[in-house]
Amino acid sequence: MEIINSTTADIDAIFDLLNSGTAYQHRIGAKPWAGFERELIETDVREKRAWKIVENGTMVCTFSLTFNDPDIWQEKDTPDAIYIHRISVHPDHHGKGYVKKIVEWSKAYAKSLNKTLVRMDTTGGNDKLNNYYVSCGFTLLGTVHVPKSPALPAHYTGGYSALFELAV
């Protein structure tokens, strides 16, 4: 298993994984993602913030990082953190602990950048997912109302996000 930057050649595969993640959210009754603009993913790739987990030559997971997140974290946004977004695991690889591998990798990556925190958010109200992130080492800090922002994907509009933080 390796975690490496995604390339422009991966963009369609990233969308396949994101779409399968959305389908999974629908199946389990969670608030689903509302789709992602291609430009967002292209920017993540171009700025080397899109990552993939490759297992035996196959992309099995995708995620993105940012170095600030003021629209979601608001006044709690800090340059001391990296922010994990858009984790999606191929359905054939659910249950193999990839999120925990991302968390461990993110802690080391944050340290290499002299950051002290790893943060993430998810739609508020999903207790099963919230508990899973806590089991990965995160502390649930609470929920925030996310104001409408053209910088955010549509599923954030007018909703609530649960905020998670992990010291490194």
N, C-alpha and C. Protein backbone atom coordinates (compact mmCIF):
# COMPACT_ATOMS: atom_id res chain seq x y z
N MET A 1 0.84 -1.18 0.00
CA MET A 1 0.00 0.00 0.00
C MET A 1 0.88 1.24 0.00
N GLU A 2 0.50 2.21 -0.83
CA GLU A 2 1.20 3.48 -0.80
C GLU A 2 0.21 4.63 -0.94
N ILE A 3 0.55 5.73 -0.30
CA ILE A 3 -0.24 6.96 -0.41
C ILE A 3 0.61 7.93 -1.21
N ILE A 4 0.07 8.34 -2.36
CA ILE A 4 0.81 9.23 -3.26
C ILE A 4 -0.14 10.27 -3.84
N ASN A 5 0.45 11.34 -4.36
CA ASN A 5 -0.35 12.37 -5.00
C ASN A 5 -1.07 11.83 -6.22
N SER A 6 -2.28 12.28 -6.41
CA SER A 6 -3.03 11.97 -7.63
C SER A 6 -2.50 12.84 -8.76
N THR A 7 -2.72 12.38 -9.99
CA THR A 7 -2.31 13.12 -11.18
C THR A 7 -3.55 13.41 -12.02
N THR A 8 -3.37 14.20 -13.05
CA THR A 8 -4.50 14.52 -13.93
C THR A 8 -5.06 13.25 -14.57
N ALA A 9 -4.23 12.26 -14.75
CA ALA A 9 -4.71 10.99 -15.32
C ALA A 9 -5.67 10.26 -14.38
N ASP A 10 -5.70 10.65 -13.10
CA ASP A 10 -6.55 10.00 -12.10
C ASP A 10 -7.93 10.65 -11.96
N ILE A 11 -8.15 11.78 -12.59
CA ILE A 11 -9.36 12.56 -12.29
C ILE A 11 -10.64 11.76 -12.53
N ASP A 12 -10.75 11.04 -13.62
CA ASP A 12 -11.97 10.24 -13.85
C ASP A 12 -12.12 9.16 -12.79
N ALA A 13 -11.02 8.54 -12.39
CA ALA A 13 -11.08 7.51 -11.34
C ALA A 13 -11.46 8.13 -10.00
N ILE A 14 -11.00 9.35 -9.73
CA ILE A 14 -11.40 10.05 -8.51
C ILE A 14 -12.91 10.25 -8.51
N PHE A 15 -13.45 10.70 -9.65
CA PHE A 15 -14.90 10.89 -9.72
C PHE A 15 -15.65 9.57 -9.58
N ASP A 16 -15.10 8.49 -10.12
CA ASP A 16 -15.74 7.18 -9.92
C ASP A 16 -15.82 6.85 -8.43
N LEU A 17 -14.73 7.10 -7.70
CA LEU A 17 -14.73 6.82 -6.26
C LEU A 17 -15.68 7.74 -5.52
N LEU A 18 -15.69 9.02 -5.87
CA LEU A 18 -16.61 9.96 -5.21
C LEU A 18 -18.06 9.58 -5.49
N ASN A 19 -18.35 9.19 -6.72
CA ASN A 19 -19.72 8.77 -7.06
C ASN A 19 -20.11 7.50 -6.32
N SER A 20 -19.17 6.57 -6.17
CA SER A 20 -19.50 5.35 -5.41
C SER A 20 -19.71 5.69 -3.94
N GLY A 21 -18.95 6.68 -3.43
CA GLY A 21 -19.16 7.13 -2.05
C GLY A 21 -20.54 7.75 -1.87
N THR A 22 -20.97 8.53 -2.85
CA THR A 22 -22.30 9.14 -2.80
C THR A 22 -23.38 8.06 -2.83
N ALA A 23 -23.21 7.06 -3.70
CA ALA A 23 -24.18 5.96 -3.77
C ALA A 23 -24.24 5.22 -2.44
N TYR A 24 -23.10 5.01 -1.80
CA TYR A 24 -23.06 4.34 -0.50
C TYR A 24 -23.80 5.17 0.54
N GLN A 25 -23.60 6.49 0.52
CA GLN A 25 -24.30 7.37 1.47
C GLN A 25 -25.82 7.24 1.28
N HIS A 26 -26.26 7.17 0.05
CA HIS A 26 -27.70 6.99 -0.21
C HIS A 26 -28.19 5.66 0.37
N ARG A 27 -27.42 4.58 0.15
CA ARG A 27 -27.82 3.24 0.61
C ARG A 27 -27.97 3.15 2.12
N ILE A 28 -27.07 3.84 2.84
CA ILE A 28 -27.11 3.71 4.30
C ILE A 28 -27.97 4.79 4.96
N GLY A 29 -28.54 5.69 4.15
CA GLY A 29 -29.43 6.70 4.69
C GLY A 29 -28.73 7.92 5.26
N ALA A 30 -27.46 8.10 4.93
CA ALA A 30 -26.74 9.29 5.38
C ALA A 30 -27.01 10.44 4.41
N LYS A 31 -26.80 11.67 4.86
CA LYS A 31 -26.94 12.80 3.95
C LYS A 31 -25.84 12.66 2.89
N PRO A 32 -26.24 12.52 1.63
CA PRO A 32 -25.23 12.25 0.59
C PRO A 32 -24.56 13.53 0.10
N TRP A 33 -23.37 13.33 -0.44
CA TRP A 33 -22.73 14.41 -1.16
C TRP A 33 -23.64 14.81 -2.31
N ALA A 34 -23.55 16.06 -2.73
CA ALA A 34 -24.39 16.56 -3.82
C ALA A 34 -23.60 16.71 -5.11
N GLY A 35 -22.49 16.01 -5.21
CA GLY A 35 -21.65 16.10 -6.40
C GLY A 35 -20.58 17.15 -6.22
N PHE A 36 -19.58 17.05 -7.05
CA PHE A 36 -18.43 17.95 -6.97
C PHE A 36 -18.14 18.53 -8.34
N GLU A 37 -17.80 19.79 -8.36
CA GLU A 37 -17.43 20.44 -9.60
C GLU A 37 -16.07 19.90 -10.05
N ARG A 38 -15.96 19.64 -11.33
CA ARG A 38 -14.71 19.11 -11.87
C ARG A 38 -13.55 20.06 -11.55
N GLU A 39 -13.81 21.35 -11.60
CA GLU A 39 -12.76 22.34 -11.32
C GLU A 39 -12.17 22.17 -9.92
N LEU A 40 -13.01 21.83 -8.94
CA LEU A 40 -12.53 21.61 -7.57
C LEU A 40 -11.51 20.48 -7.54
N ILE A 41 -11.84 19.37 -8.16
CA ILE A 41 -10.94 18.21 -8.16
C ILE A 41 -9.70 18.51 -8.98
N GLU A 42 -9.85 19.16 -10.11
CA GLU A 42 -8.69 19.53 -10.94
C GLU A 42 -7.75 20.45 -10.16
N THR A 43 -8.31 21.38 -9.39
CA THR A 43 -7.49 22.27 -8.57
C THR A 43 -6.76 21.48 -7.49
N ASP A 44 -7.46 20.58 -6.82
CA ASP A 44 -6.80 19.72 -5.82
C ASP A 44 -5.61 18.99 -6.43
N VAL A 45 -5.82 18.43 -7.63
CA VAL A 45 -4.74 17.68 -8.29
C VAL A 45 -3.60 18.62 -8.67
N ARG A 46 -3.93 19.72 -9.31
CA ARG A 46 -2.91 20.68 -9.77
C ARG A 46 -2.08 21.22 -8.60
N GLU A 47 -2.74 21.47 -7.47
CA GLU A 47 -2.04 22.01 -6.30
C GLU A 47 -1.45 20.92 -5.40
N LYS A 48 -1.47 19.69 -5.90
CA LYS A 48 -0.90 18.54 -5.18
C LYS A 48 -1.51 18.35 -3.80
N ARG A 49 -2.85 18.54 -3.73
CA ARG A 49 -3.59 18.32 -2.51
C ARG A 49 -4.52 17.12 -2.63
N ALA A 50 -4.55 16.49 -3.81
CA ALA A 50 -5.34 15.27 -4.02
C ALA A 50 -4.41 14.08 -3.86
N TRP A 51 -4.87 13.12 -3.08
CA TRP A 51 -4.06 11.95 -2.76
C TRP A 51 -4.84 10.69 -3.09
N LYS A 52 -4.10 9.61 -3.24
CA LYS A 52 -4.74 8.32 -3.49
C LYS A 52 -3.98 7.25 -2.73
N ILE A 53 -4.73 6.22 -2.38
CA ILE A 53 -4.11 5.01 -1.85
C ILE A 53 -4.12 4.00 -2.97
N VAL A 54 -2.94 3.47 -3.25
CA VAL A 54 -2.78 2.48 -4.31
C VAL A 54 -2.40 1.16 -3.66
N GLU A 55 -3.14 0.13 -4.01
CA GLU A 55 -2.91 -1.23 -3.49
C GLU A 55 -2.79 -2.15 -4.70
N ASN A 56 -1.64 -2.82 -4.83
CA ASN A 56 -1.41 -3.73 -5.95
C ASN A 56 -1.71 -3.08 -7.30
N GLY A 57 -1.28 -1.81 -7.44
CA GLY A 57 -1.43 -1.10 -8.70
C GLY A 57 -2.81 -0.51 -8.95
N THR A 58 -3.72 -0.63 -7.98
CA THR A 58 -5.10 -0.14 -8.14
C THR A 58 -5.38 0.96 -7.15
N MET A 59 -6.02 2.05 -7.63
CA MET A 59 -6.45 3.11 -6.72
C MET A 59 -7.66 2.60 -5.95
N VAL A 60 -7.52 2.50 -4.64
CA VAL A 60 -8.62 1.99 -3.81
C VAL A 60 -9.27 3.06 -2.95
N CYS A 61 -8.65 4.24 -2.91
CA CYS A 61 -9.16 5.31 -2.06
C CYS A 61 -8.65 6.64 -2.56
N THR A 62 -9.43 7.67 -2.35
CA THR A 62 -9.01 9.03 -2.66
C THR A 62 -9.36 9.94 -1.49
N PHE A 63 -8.59 11.00 -1.33
CA PHE A 63 -8.88 12.04 -0.35
C PHE A 63 -8.12 13.29 -0.74
N SER A 64 -8.54 14.41 -0.17
CA SER A 64 -7.87 15.68 -0.43
C SER A 64 -7.49 16.33 0.89
N LEU A 65 -6.51 17.20 0.82
CA LEU A 65 -6.09 17.98 1.97
C LEU A 65 -6.18 19.46 1.64
N THR A 66 -6.44 20.26 2.64
CA THR A 66 -6.30 21.70 2.51
C THR A 66 -5.50 22.18 3.70
N PHE A 67 -5.03 23.41 3.59
CA PHE A 67 -4.21 23.98 4.65
C PHE A 67 -4.92 25.12 5.37
N ASN A 68 -6.17 25.32 4.99
CA ASN A 68 -7.06 26.19 5.73
C ASN A 68 -8.48 25.79 5.34
N ASP A 69 -9.43 26.20 6.15
CA ASP A 69 -10.82 25.81 5.90
C ASP A 69 -11.76 26.80 6.58
N PRO A 70 -11.65 28.08 6.21
CA PRO A 70 -12.40 29.11 6.92
C PRO A 70 -13.91 29.03 6.73
N ASP A 71 -14.39 28.51 5.61
CA ASP A 71 -15.83 28.44 5.40
C ASP A 71 -16.50 27.48 6.36
N ILE A 72 -15.81 26.42 6.73
CA ILE A 72 -16.38 25.43 7.65
C ILE A 72 -15.95 25.71 9.09
N TRP A 73 -14.67 25.94 9.29
CA TRP A 73 -14.14 26.10 10.64
C TRP A 73 -14.30 27.51 11.18
N GLN A 74 -14.62 28.45 10.30
CA GLN A 74 -14.91 29.83 10.68
C GLN A 74 -13.80 30.40 11.56
N GLU A 75 -14.12 30.95 12.74
CA GLU A 75 -13.11 31.60 13.57
C GLU A 75 -12.12 30.60 14.16
N LYS A 76 -12.40 29.31 14.10
CA LYS A 76 -11.49 28.30 14.63
C LYS A 76 -10.46 27.84 13.59
N ASP A 77 -10.57 28.35 12.37
CA ASP A 77 -9.60 28.01 11.32
C ASP A 77 -8.21 28.44 11.79
N THR A 78 -7.22 27.61 11.53
CA THR A 78 -5.86 27.92 11.98
C THR A 78 -4.83 27.42 10.98
N PRO A 79 -3.74 28.16 10.81
CA PRO A 79 -2.67 27.69 9.94
C PRO A 79 -1.86 26.55 10.55
N ASP A 80 -2.16 26.18 11.78
CA ASP A 80 -1.44 25.08 12.46
C ASP A 80 -2.00 23.71 12.09
N ALA A 81 -3.00 23.66 11.19
CA ALA A 81 -3.68 22.40 10.89
C ALA A 81 -3.61 22.06 9.40
N ILE A 82 -3.75 20.75 9.14
CA ILE A 82 -4.13 20.29 7.82
C ILE A 82 -5.55 19.76 7.94
N TYR A 83 -6.31 19.86 6.87
CA TYR A 83 -7.72 19.50 6.88
C TYR A 83 -7.95 18.41 5.85
N ILE A 84 -8.51 17.29 6.28
CA ILE A 84 -8.80 16.16 5.39
C ILE A 84 -10.21 16.32 4.83
N HIS A 85 -10.35 16.10 3.52
CA HIS A 85 -11.65 16.20 2.86
C HIS A 85 -11.84 15.05 1.87
N ARG A 86 -13.10 14.77 1.58
CA ARG A 86 -13.52 13.92 0.47
C ARG A 86 -12.87 12.53 0.47
N ILE A 87 -12.85 11.89 1.62
CA ILE A 87 -12.36 10.50 1.66
C ILE A 87 -13.40 9.61 1.01
N SER A 88 -12.99 8.82 0.05
CA SER A 88 -13.89 7.84 -0.55
C SER A 88 -13.10 6.58 -0.87
N VAL A 89 -13.61 5.47 -0.36
CA VAL A 89 -12.98 4.16 -0.53
C VAL A 89 -13.80 3.36 -1.52
N HIS A 90 -13.14 2.68 -2.43
CA HIS A 90 -13.84 1.81 -3.38
C HIS A 90 -14.67 0.79 -2.60
N PRO A 91 -15.92 0.56 -3.04
CA PRO A 91 -16.80 -0.36 -2.28
C PRO A 91 -16.21 -1.75 -2.05
N ASP A 92 -15.38 -2.23 -2.96
CA ASP A 92 -14.77 -3.55 -2.77
C ASP A 92 -13.73 -3.55 -1.65
N HIS A 93 -13.39 -2.37 -1.16
CA HIS A 93 -12.32 -2.26 -0.15
C HIS A 93 -12.81 -1.64 1.16
N HIS A 94 -14.12 -1.52 1.32
CA HIS A 94 -14.65 -1.04 2.61
C HIS A 94 -14.24 -2.02 3.71
N GLY A 95 -14.01 -1.48 4.89
CA GLY A 95 -13.70 -2.33 6.05
C GLY A 95 -12.25 -2.74 6.16
N LYS A 96 -11.39 -2.20 5.30
CA LYS A 96 -9.97 -2.58 5.34
C LYS A 96 -9.11 -1.56 6.09
N GLY A 97 -9.74 -0.61 6.77
CA GLY A 97 -9.01 0.31 7.62
C GLY A 97 -8.29 1.44 6.90
N TYR A 98 -8.74 1.80 5.71
CA TYR A 98 -8.04 2.85 4.97
C TYR A 98 -8.15 4.21 5.64
N VAL A 99 -9.26 4.51 6.28
CA VAL A 99 -9.37 5.80 6.96
C VAL A 99 -8.34 5.89 8.08
N LYS A 100 -8.17 4.83 8.83
CA LYS A 100 -7.16 4.84 9.89
C LYS A 100 -5.76 4.99 9.31
N LYS A 101 -5.52 4.41 8.15
CA LYS A 101 -4.22 4.57 7.48
C LYS A 101 -4.03 6.02 7.04
N ILE A 102 -5.09 6.64 6.55
CA ILE A 102 -5.02 8.05 6.16
C ILE A 102 -4.72 8.91 7.38
N VAL A 103 -5.36 8.61 8.50
CA VAL A 103 -5.13 9.38 9.72
C VAL A 103 -3.67 9.27 10.16
N GLU A 104 -3.13 8.07 10.19
CA GLU A 104 -1.73 7.89 10.60
C GLU A 104 -0.79 8.61 9.64
N TRP A 105 -1.04 8.46 8.35
CA TRP A 105 -0.23 9.15 7.34
C TRP A 105 -0.34 10.67 7.51
N SER A 106 -1.56 11.18 7.75
CA SER A 106 -1.79 12.61 7.89
C SER A 106 -1.06 13.18 9.10
N LYS A 107 -0.99 12.43 10.17
CA LYS A 107 -0.26 12.88 11.34
C LYS A 107 1.22 13.08 10.99
N ALA A 108 1.80 12.12 10.31
CA ALA A 108 3.21 12.24 9.91
C ALA A 108 3.40 13.38 8.91
N TYR A 109 2.46 13.51 7.97
CA TYR A 109 2.54 14.57 6.98
C TYR A 109 2.45 15.93 7.66
N ALA A 110 1.53 16.08 8.60
CA ALA A 110 1.38 17.34 9.34
C ALA A 110 2.67 17.68 10.07
N LYS A 111 3.25 16.69 10.73
CA LYS A 111 4.51 16.93 11.45
C LYS A 111 5.60 17.39 10.49
N SER A 112 5.65 16.78 9.30
CA SER A 112 6.69 17.15 8.33
C SER A 112 6.54 18.60 7.87
N LEU A 113 5.34 19.14 8.00
CA LEU A 113 5.06 20.53 7.63
C LEU A 113 5.05 21.46 8.84
N ASN A 114 5.47 20.94 9.99
CA ASN A 114 5.46 21.69 11.25
C ASN A 114 4.06 22.14 11.65
N LYS A 115 3.06 21.32 11.33
CA LYS A 115 1.69 21.57 11.76
C LYS A 115 1.45 20.76 13.03
N THR A 116 0.50 21.19 13.83
CA THR A 116 0.26 20.52 15.11
C THR A 116 -1.10 19.83 15.19
N LEU A 117 -1.93 20.00 14.14
CA LEU A 117 -3.27 19.44 14.17
C LEU A 117 -3.64 18.81 12.84
N VAL A 118 -4.45 17.76 12.92
CA VAL A 118 -5.14 17.20 11.76
C VAL A 118 -6.62 17.40 12.05
N ARG A 119 -7.33 17.94 11.08
CA ARG A 119 -8.75 18.21 11.27
C ARG A 119 -9.56 17.64 10.12
N MET A 120 -10.83 17.40 10.41
CA MET A 120 -11.76 16.99 9.37
C MET A 120 -13.17 17.34 9.82
N ASP A 121 -14.09 17.29 8.88
CA ASP A 121 -15.49 17.53 9.21
C ASP A 121 -16.33 16.52 8.45
N THR A 122 -17.55 16.35 8.91
CA THR A 122 -18.52 15.53 8.21
C THR A 122 -19.90 16.10 8.51
N THR A 123 -20.86 15.71 7.71
CA THR A 123 -22.22 16.19 7.91
C THR A 123 -22.66 15.87 9.33
N GLY A 124 -23.24 16.86 10.00
CA GLY A 124 -23.71 16.66 11.37
C GLY A 124 -24.85 15.65 11.43
N GLY A 125 -24.96 14.95 12.54
CA GLY A 125 -26.07 14.04 12.78
C GLY A 125 -25.82 12.59 12.42
N ASN A 126 -24.64 12.26 11.92
CA ASN A 126 -24.34 10.87 11.56
C ASN A 126 -23.53 10.26 12.71
N ASP A 127 -24.23 9.77 13.73
CA ASP A 127 -23.56 9.27 14.93
C ASP A 127 -22.61 8.11 14.64
N LYS A 128 -22.98 7.23 13.74
CA LYS A 128 -22.12 6.09 13.42
C LYS A 128 -20.78 6.57 12.86
N LEU A 129 -20.83 7.51 11.92
CA LEU A 129 -19.59 8.03 11.34
C LEU A 129 -18.82 8.86 12.38
N ASN A 130 -19.54 9.65 13.16
CA ASN A 130 -18.87 10.43 14.21
C ASN A 130 -18.10 9.52 15.16
N ASN A 131 -18.74 8.44 15.59
CA ASN A 131 -18.10 7.48 16.50
C ASN A 131 -16.90 6.81 15.84
N TYR A 132 -17.00 6.54 14.54
CA TYR A 132 -15.87 5.94 13.82
C TYR A 132 -14.68 6.90 13.83
N TYR A 133 -14.92 8.17 13.55
CA TYR A 133 -13.81 9.12 13.55
C TYR A 133 -13.21 9.26 14.94
N VAL A 134 -14.01 9.20 15.97
CA VAL A 134 -13.48 9.21 17.33
C VAL A 134 -12.61 7.97 17.55
N SER A 135 -13.03 6.82 17.03
CA SER A 135 -12.23 5.60 17.18
C SER A 135 -10.91 5.68 16.41
N CYS A 136 -10.82 6.61 15.46
CA CYS A 136 -9.58 6.84 14.71
C CYS A 136 -8.64 7.78 15.45
N GLY A 137 -9.07 8.29 16.61
CA GLY A 137 -8.23 9.16 17.41
C GLY A 137 -8.65 10.61 17.46
N PHE A 138 -9.67 10.97 16.71
CA PHE A 138 -10.14 12.35 16.69
C PHE A 138 -10.99 12.66 17.91
N THR A 139 -11.01 13.93 18.28
CA THR A 139 -11.92 14.44 19.28
C THR A 139 -13.03 15.18 18.54
N LEU A 140 -14.27 14.87 18.86
CA LEU A 140 -15.41 15.59 18.30
C LEU A 140 -15.54 16.90 19.05
N LEU A 141 -15.38 18.01 18.34
CA LEU A 141 -15.43 19.33 18.97
C LEU A 141 -16.82 19.91 19.01
N GLY A 142 -17.75 19.32 18.28
CA GLY A 142 -19.12 19.83 18.22
C GLY A 142 -19.52 20.06 16.77
N THR A 143 -20.65 20.73 16.61
CA THR A 143 -21.14 21.01 15.26
C THR A 143 -21.25 22.51 15.05
N VAL A 144 -21.18 22.89 13.78
CA VAL A 144 -21.34 24.29 13.40
C VAL A 144 -22.29 24.38 12.22
N HIS A 145 -23.05 25.45 12.17
CA HIS A 145 -23.85 25.75 10.99
C HIS A 145 -22.90 26.29 9.93
N VAL A 146 -22.98 25.75 8.74
CA VAL A 146 -22.10 26.19 7.66
C VAL A 146 -22.88 27.15 6.76
N PRO A 147 -22.48 28.41 6.74
CA PRO A 147 -23.19 29.36 5.89
C PRO A 147 -22.95 29.06 4.42
N LYS A 148 -23.88 29.48 3.60
CA LYS A 148 -23.75 29.28 2.15
C LYS A 148 -22.49 29.97 1.66
N SER A 149 -21.71 29.26 0.84
CA SER A 149 -20.48 29.81 0.29
C SER A 149 -20.26 29.22 -1.09
N PRO A 150 -19.94 30.06 -2.06
CA PRO A 150 -19.66 29.53 -3.41
C PRO A 150 -18.39 28.68 -3.44
N ALA A 151 -17.57 28.78 -2.40
CA ALA A 151 -16.33 28.00 -2.34
C ALA A 151 -16.56 26.56 -1.90
N LEU A 152 -17.76 26.25 -1.40
CA LEU A 152 -18.03 24.92 -0.86
C LEU A 152 -18.91 24.10 -1.79
N PRO A 153 -18.73 22.78 -1.80
CA PRO A 153 -19.66 21.91 -2.54
C PRO A 153 -21.10 22.10 -2.04
N ALA A 154 -22.06 21.80 -2.89
CA ALA A 154 -23.47 22.07 -2.63
C ALA A 154 -24.01 21.40 -1.38
N HIS A 155 -23.49 20.23 -1.00
CA HIS A 155 -24.07 19.52 0.15
C HIS A 155 -23.84 20.26 1.48
N TYR A 156 -22.98 21.26 1.50
CA TYR A 156 -22.78 22.04 2.72
C TYR A 156 -23.83 23.12 2.90
N THR A 157 -24.51 23.51 1.82
CA THR A 157 -25.40 24.65 1.85
C THR A 157 -26.45 24.55 2.96
N GLY A 158 -26.36 25.48 3.89
CA GLY A 158 -27.35 25.57 4.95
C GLY A 158 -27.34 24.42 5.94
N GLY A 159 -26.32 23.60 5.90
CA GLY A 159 -26.30 22.43 6.77
C GLY A 159 -25.41 22.61 7.98
N TYR A 160 -25.24 21.52 8.69
CA TYR A 160 -24.40 21.49 9.88
C TYR A 160 -23.27 20.50 9.64
N SER A 161 -22.10 20.83 10.16
CA SER A 161 -20.96 19.93 10.08
C SER A 161 -20.44 19.62 11.47
N ALA A 162 -20.09 18.37 11.66
CA ALA A 162 -19.40 17.95 12.89
C ALA A 162 -17.91 18.18 12.66
N LEU A 163 -17.26 18.77 13.64
CA LEU A 163 -15.85 19.11 13.54
C LEU A 163 -15.01 18.16 14.40
N PHE A 164 -13.92 17.68 13.80
CA PHE A 164 -13.04 16.73 14.46
C PHE A 164 -11.60 17.25 14.42
N GLU A 165 -10.87 16.97 15.50
CA GLU A 165 -9.49 17.44 15.61
C GLU A 165 -8.64 16.38 16.28
N LEU A 166 -7.39 16.32 15.84
CA LEU A 166 -6.43 15.38 16.39
C LEU A 166 -5.10 16.09 16.51
N ALA A 167 -4.54 16.13 17.70
CA ALA A 167 -3.22 16.72 17.90
C ALA A 167 -2.16 15.73 17.42
N VAL A 168 -1.11 16.25 16.82
CA VAL A 168 -0.02 15.38 16.34
C VAL A 168 1.23 15.57 17.17
